[in-house]
PDB file of N, CA and C in Angstrom:
ATOM      1  N   MET A   1     128.975 105.649 111.567  1.00  0.00           N
ATOM      2  CA  MET A   1     127.796 104.998 112.125  1.00  0.00           C
ATOM      3  C   MET A   1     128.229 103.816 112.993  1.00  0.00           C
ATOM      4  N   THR A   2     127.564 103.719 114.108  1.00  0.00           N
ATOM      5  CA  THR A   2     127.846 102.597 114.990  1.00  0.00           C
ATOM      6  C   THR A   2     126.880 101.461 114.690  1.00  0.00           C
ATOM      7  N   LYS A   3     127.140 100.325 115.297  1.00  0.00           N
ATOM      8  CA  LYS A   3     126.243  99.190 115.114  1.00  0.00           C
ATOM      9  C   LYS A   3     124.855  99.502 115.654  1.00  0.00           C
ATOM     10  N   GLU A   4     124.804 100.288 116.708  1.00  0.00           N
ATOM     11  CA  GLU A   4     123.506 100.671 117.285  1.00  0.00           C
ATOM     12  C   GLU A   4     122.713 101.523 116.294  1.00  0.00           C
ATOM     13  N   ASP A   5     123.394 102.452 115.625  1.00  0.00           N
ATOM     14  CA  ASP A   5     122.733 103.292 114.621  1.00  0.00           C
ATOM     15  C   ASP A   5     122.204 102.448 113.470  1.00  0.00           C
ATOM     16  N   VAL A   6     123.000 101.506 113.041  1.00  0.00           N
ATOM     17  CA  VAL A   6     122.584 100.626 111.942  1.00  0.00           C
ATOM     18  C   VAL A   6     121.372  99.798 112.352  1.00  0.00           C
ATOM     19  N   ALA A   7     121.368  99.292 113.565  1.00  0.00           N
ATOM     20  CA  ALA A   7     120.246  98.485 114.050  1.00  0.00           C
ATOM     21  C   ALA A   7     118.976  99.335 114.115  1.00  0.00           C
ATOM     22  N   LYS A   8     119.101 100.566 114.587  1.00  0.00           N
ATOM     23  CA  LYS A   8     117.932 101.463 114.635  1.00  0.00           C
ATOM     24  C   LYS A   8     117.403 101.747 113.233  1.00  0.00           C
ATOM     25  N   LEU A   9     118.309 101.980 112.307  1.00  0.00           N
ATOM     26  CA  LEU A   9     117.915 102.263 110.933  1.00  0.00           C
ATOM     27  C   LEU A   9     117.229 101.056 110.303  1.00  0.00           C
ATOM     28  N   GLU A  10     117.754  99.868 110.530  1.00  0.00           N
ATOM     29  CA  GLU A  10     117.133  98.658 109.985  1.00  0.00           C
ATOM     30  C   GLU A  10     115.745  98.454 110.569  1.00  0.00           C
ATOM     31  N   ALA A  11     115.571  98.713 111.852  1.00  0.00           N
ATOM     32  CA  ALA A  11     114.259  98.575 112.480  1.00  0.00           C
ATOM     33  C   ALA A  11     113.271  99.581 111.893  1.00  0.00           C
ATOM     34  N   LYS A  12     113.722 100.800 111.668  1.00  0.00           N
ATOM     35  CA  LYS A  12     112.863 101.839 111.087  1.00  0.00           C
ATOM     36  C   LYS A  12     112.460 101.467 109.666  1.00  0.00           C
ATOM     37  N   ILE A  13     113.389 100.930 108.891  1.00  0.00           N
ATOM     38  CA  ILE A  13     113.081 100.506 107.523  1.00  0.00           C
ATOM     39  C   ILE A  13     112.059  99.368 107.540  1.00  0.00           C
ATOM     40  N   ALA A  14     112.219  98.403 108.439  1.00  0.00           N
ATOM     41  CA  ALA A  14     111.280  97.294 108.532  1.00  0.00           C
ATOM     42  C   ALA A  14     109.887  97.797 108.908  1.00  0.00           C
ATOM     43  N   ASP A  15     109.799  98.738 109.846  1.00  0.00           N
ATOM     44  CA  ASP A  15     108.502  99.298 110.234  1.00  0.00           C
ATOM     45  C   ASP A  15     107.848 100.032 109.069  1.00  0.00           C
ATOM     46  N   THR A  16     108.641 100.799 108.348  1.00  0.00           N
ATOM     47  CA  THR A  16     108.116 101.545 107.211  1.00  0.00           C
ATOM     48  C   THR A  16     107.624 100.601 106.124  1.00  0.00           C
ATOM     49  N   LYS A  17     108.373  99.539 105.876  1.00  0.00           N
ATOM     50  CA  LYS A  17     107.981  98.564 104.857  1.00  0.00           C
ATOM     51  C   LYS A  17     106.660  97.893 105.229  1.00  0.00           C
ATOM     52  N   ALA A  18     106.506  97.518 106.486  1.00  0.00           N
ATOM     53  CA  ALA A  18     105.260  96.893 106.934  1.00  0.00           C
ATOM     54  C   ALA A  18     104.092  97.859 106.804  1.00  0.00           C
ATOM     55  N   GLU A  19     104.319  99.117 107.125  1.00  0.00           N
ATOM     56  CA  GLU A  19     103.266 100.130 107.017  1.00  0.00           C
ATOM     57  C   GLU A  19     102.855 100.337 105.551  1.00  0.00           C
ATOM     58  N   MET A  20     103.825 100.358 104.666  1.00  0.00           N
ATOM     59  CA  MET A  20     103.520 100.526 103.238  1.00  0.00           C
ATOM     60  C   MET A  20     102.726  99.345 102.703  1.00  0.00           C
ATOM     61  N   ILE A  21     103.082  98.139 103.091  1.00  0.00           N
ATOM     62  CA  ILE A  21     102.355  96.953 102.636  1.00  0.00           C
ATOM     63  C   ILE A  21     100.916  96.997 103.128  1.00  0.00           C
ATOM     64  N   LYS A  22     100.712  97.412 104.377  1.00  0.00           N
ATOM     65  CA  LYS A  22      99.350  97.520 104.928  1.00  0.00           C
ATOM     66  C   LYS A  22      98.523  98.497 104.100  1.00  0.00           C
ATOM     67  N   TRP A  23      99.049  99.673 103.800  1.00  0.00           N
ATOM     68  CA  TRP A  23      98.304 100.669 103.045  1.00  0.00           C
ATOM     69  C   TRP A  23      98.083 100.242 101.602  1.00  0.00           C
ATOM     70  N   MET A  24      99.007  99.474 101.033  1.00  0.00           N
ATOM     71  CA  MET A  24      98.806  98.971  99.680  1.00  0.00           C
ATOM     72  C   MET A  24      97.612  98.029  99.632  1.00  0.00           C
ATOM     73  N   PHE A  25      97.478  97.132 100.617  1.00  0.00           N
ATOM     74  CA  PHE A  25      96.332  96.235 100.644  1.00  0.00           C
ATOM     75  C   PHE A  25      95.029  97.000 100.829  1.00  0.00           C
ATOM     76  N   ILE A  26      95.037  98.025 101.676  1.00  0.00           N
ATOM     77  CA  ILE A  26      93.833  98.842 101.860  1.00  0.00           C
ATOM     78  C   ILE A  26      93.447  99.513 100.544  1.00  0.00           C
ATOM     79  N   PHE A  27      94.426 100.037  99.825  1.00  0.00           N
ATOM     80  CA  PHE A  27      94.162 100.670  98.535  1.00  0.00           C
ATOM     81  C   PHE A  27      93.602  99.659  97.535  1.00  0.00           C
ATOM     82  N   TRP A  28      94.208  98.458  97.479  1.00  0.00           N
ATOM     83  CA  TRP A  28      93.727  97.441  96.538  1.00  0.00           C
ATOM     84  C   TRP A  28      92.293  97.034  96.846  1.00  0.00           C
ATOM     85  N   ILE A  29      91.972  96.845  98.111  1.00  0.00           N
ATOM     86  CA  ILE A  29      90.615  96.453  98.480  1.00  0.00           C
ATOM     87  C   ILE A  29      89.628  97.550  98.091  1.00  0.00           C
ATOM     88  N   GLY A  30      89.988  98.791  98.329  1.00  0.00           N
ATOM     89  CA  GLY A  30      89.134  99.904  97.930  1.00  0.00           C
ATOM     90  C   GLY A  30      88.936  99.958  96.427  1.00  0.00           C
ATOM     91  N   SER A  31      89.993  99.769  95.688  1.00  0.00           N
ATOM     92  CA  SER A  31      89.905  99.797  94.227  1.00  0.00           C
ATOM     93  C   SER A  31      89.018  98.665  93.711  1.00  0.00           C
ATOM     94  N   ILE A  32      89.180  97.485  94.260  1.00  0.00           N
ATOM     95  CA  ILE A  32      88.357  96.353  93.848  1.00  0.00           C
ATOM     96  C   ILE A  32      86.889  96.618  94.167  1.00  0.00           C
ATOM     97  N   GLY A  33      86.621  97.226  95.324  1.00  0.00           N
ATOM     98  CA  GLY A  33      85.250  97.555  95.689  1.00  0.00           C
ATOM     99  C   GLY A  33      84.613  98.531  94.716  1.00  0.00           C
ATOM    100  N   VAL A  34      85.338  99.579  94.369  1.00  0.00           N
ATOM    101  CA  VAL A  34      84.818 100.579  93.434  1.00  0.00           C
ATOM    102  C   VAL A  34      84.593  99.956  92.052  1.00  0.00           C
ATOM    103  N   LEU A  35      85.565  99.206  91.559  1.00  0.00           N
ATOM    104  CA  LEU A  35      85.413  98.588  90.242  1.00  0.00           C
ATOM    105  C   LEU A  35      84.273  97.568  90.217  1.00  0.00           C
ATOM    106  N   SER A  36      84.111  96.826  91.301  1.00  0.00           N
ATOM    107  CA  SER A  36      83.005  95.867  91.375  1.00  0.00           C
ATOM    108  C   SER A  36      81.669  96.598  91.333  1.00  0.00           C
ATOM    109  N   GLY A  37      81.573  97.704  92.051  1.00  0.00           N
ATOM    110  CA  GLY A  37      80.338  98.483  92.039  1.00  0.00           C
ATOM    111  C   GLY A  37      80.014  99.008  90.654  1.00  0.00           C
ATOM    112  N   ILE A  38      81.014  99.505  89.953  1.00  0.00           N
ATOM    113  CA  ILE A  38      80.801  99.994  88.586  1.00  0.00           C
ATOM    114  C   ILE A  38      80.367  98.861  87.672  1.00  0.00           C
ATOM    115  N   MET A  39      81.025  97.714  87.778  1.00  0.00           N
ATOM    116  CA  MET A  39      80.678  96.578  86.914  1.00  0.00           C
ATOM    117  C   MET A  39      79.267  96.074  87.196  1.00  0.00           C
ATOM    118  N   ILE A  40      78.890  95.985  88.464  1.00  0.00           N
ATOM    119  CA  ILE A  40      77.540  95.527  88.817  1.00  0.00           C
ATOM    120  C   ILE A  40      76.503  96.504  88.286  1.00  0.00           C
ATOM    121  N   THR A  41      76.769  97.808  88.440  1.00  0.00           N
ATOM    122  CA  THR A  41      75.839  98.813  87.942  1.00  0.00           C
ATOM    123  C   THR A  41      75.685  98.713  86.433  1.00  0.00           C
ATOM    124  N   LEU A  42      76.790  98.611  85.713  1.00  0.00           N
ATOM    125  CA  LEU A  42      76.722  98.491  84.252  1.00  0.00           C
ATOM    126  C   LEU A  42      76.010  97.205  83.843  1.00  0.00           C
ATOM    127  N   PHE A  43      76.280  96.128  84.530  1.00  0.00           N
ATOM    128  CA  PHE A  43      75.613  94.866  84.205  1.00  0.00           C
ATOM    129  C   PHE A  43      74.111  94.986  84.397  1.00  0.00           C
ATOM    130  N   ASN A  44      73.683  95.615  85.491  1.00  0.00           N
ATOM    131  CA  ASN A  44      72.257  95.780  85.751  1.00  0.00           C
ATOM    132  C   ASN A  44      71.601  96.687  84.712  1.00  0.00           C
ATOM    133  N   VAL A  45      72.285  97.727  84.289  1.00  0.00           N
ATOM    134  CA  VAL A  45      71.719  98.646  83.293  1.00  0.00           C
ATOM    135  C   VAL A  45      71.571  97.959  81.942  1.00  0.00           C
ATOM    136  N   TYR A  46      72.604  97.251  81.503  1.00  0.00           N
ATOM    137  CA  TYR A  46      72.568  96.661  80.176  1.00  0.00           C
ATOM    138  C   TYR A  46      71.838  95.314  80.125  1.00  0.00           C
ATOM    139  N   SER A  47      71.598  94.683  81.248  1.00  0.00           N
ATOM    140  CA  SER A  47      70.882  93.405  81.206  1.00  0.00           C
ATOM    141  C   SER A  47      69.378  93.625  81.099  1.00  0.00           C
ATOM    142  N   LYS A  48      68.914  94.834  81.364  1.00  0.00           N
ATOM    143  CA  LYS A  48      67.468  95.103  81.267  1.00  0.00           C
ATOM    144  C   LYS A  48      67.024  95.393  79.842  1.00  0.00           C
ATOM    145  N   HIS A  49      67.969  95.657  78.934  1.00  0.00           N
ATOM    146  CA  HIS A  49      67.600  95.971  77.553  1.00  0.00           C
ATOM    147  C   HIS A  49      67.474  94.758  76.702  1.00  0.00           C
TER     148      HIS A  49
END
């Protein structure tokens, strides 16, 4: 491997890492939204009794 190959590989790894972090945050936000909806629904159902 040449230095150019190593530099290309490092750049590709950095891009992949940034992409993974972006998708992880999207997943977390979605999960929090779903769990919040479930909790609000359960709270509304059980607070009426």
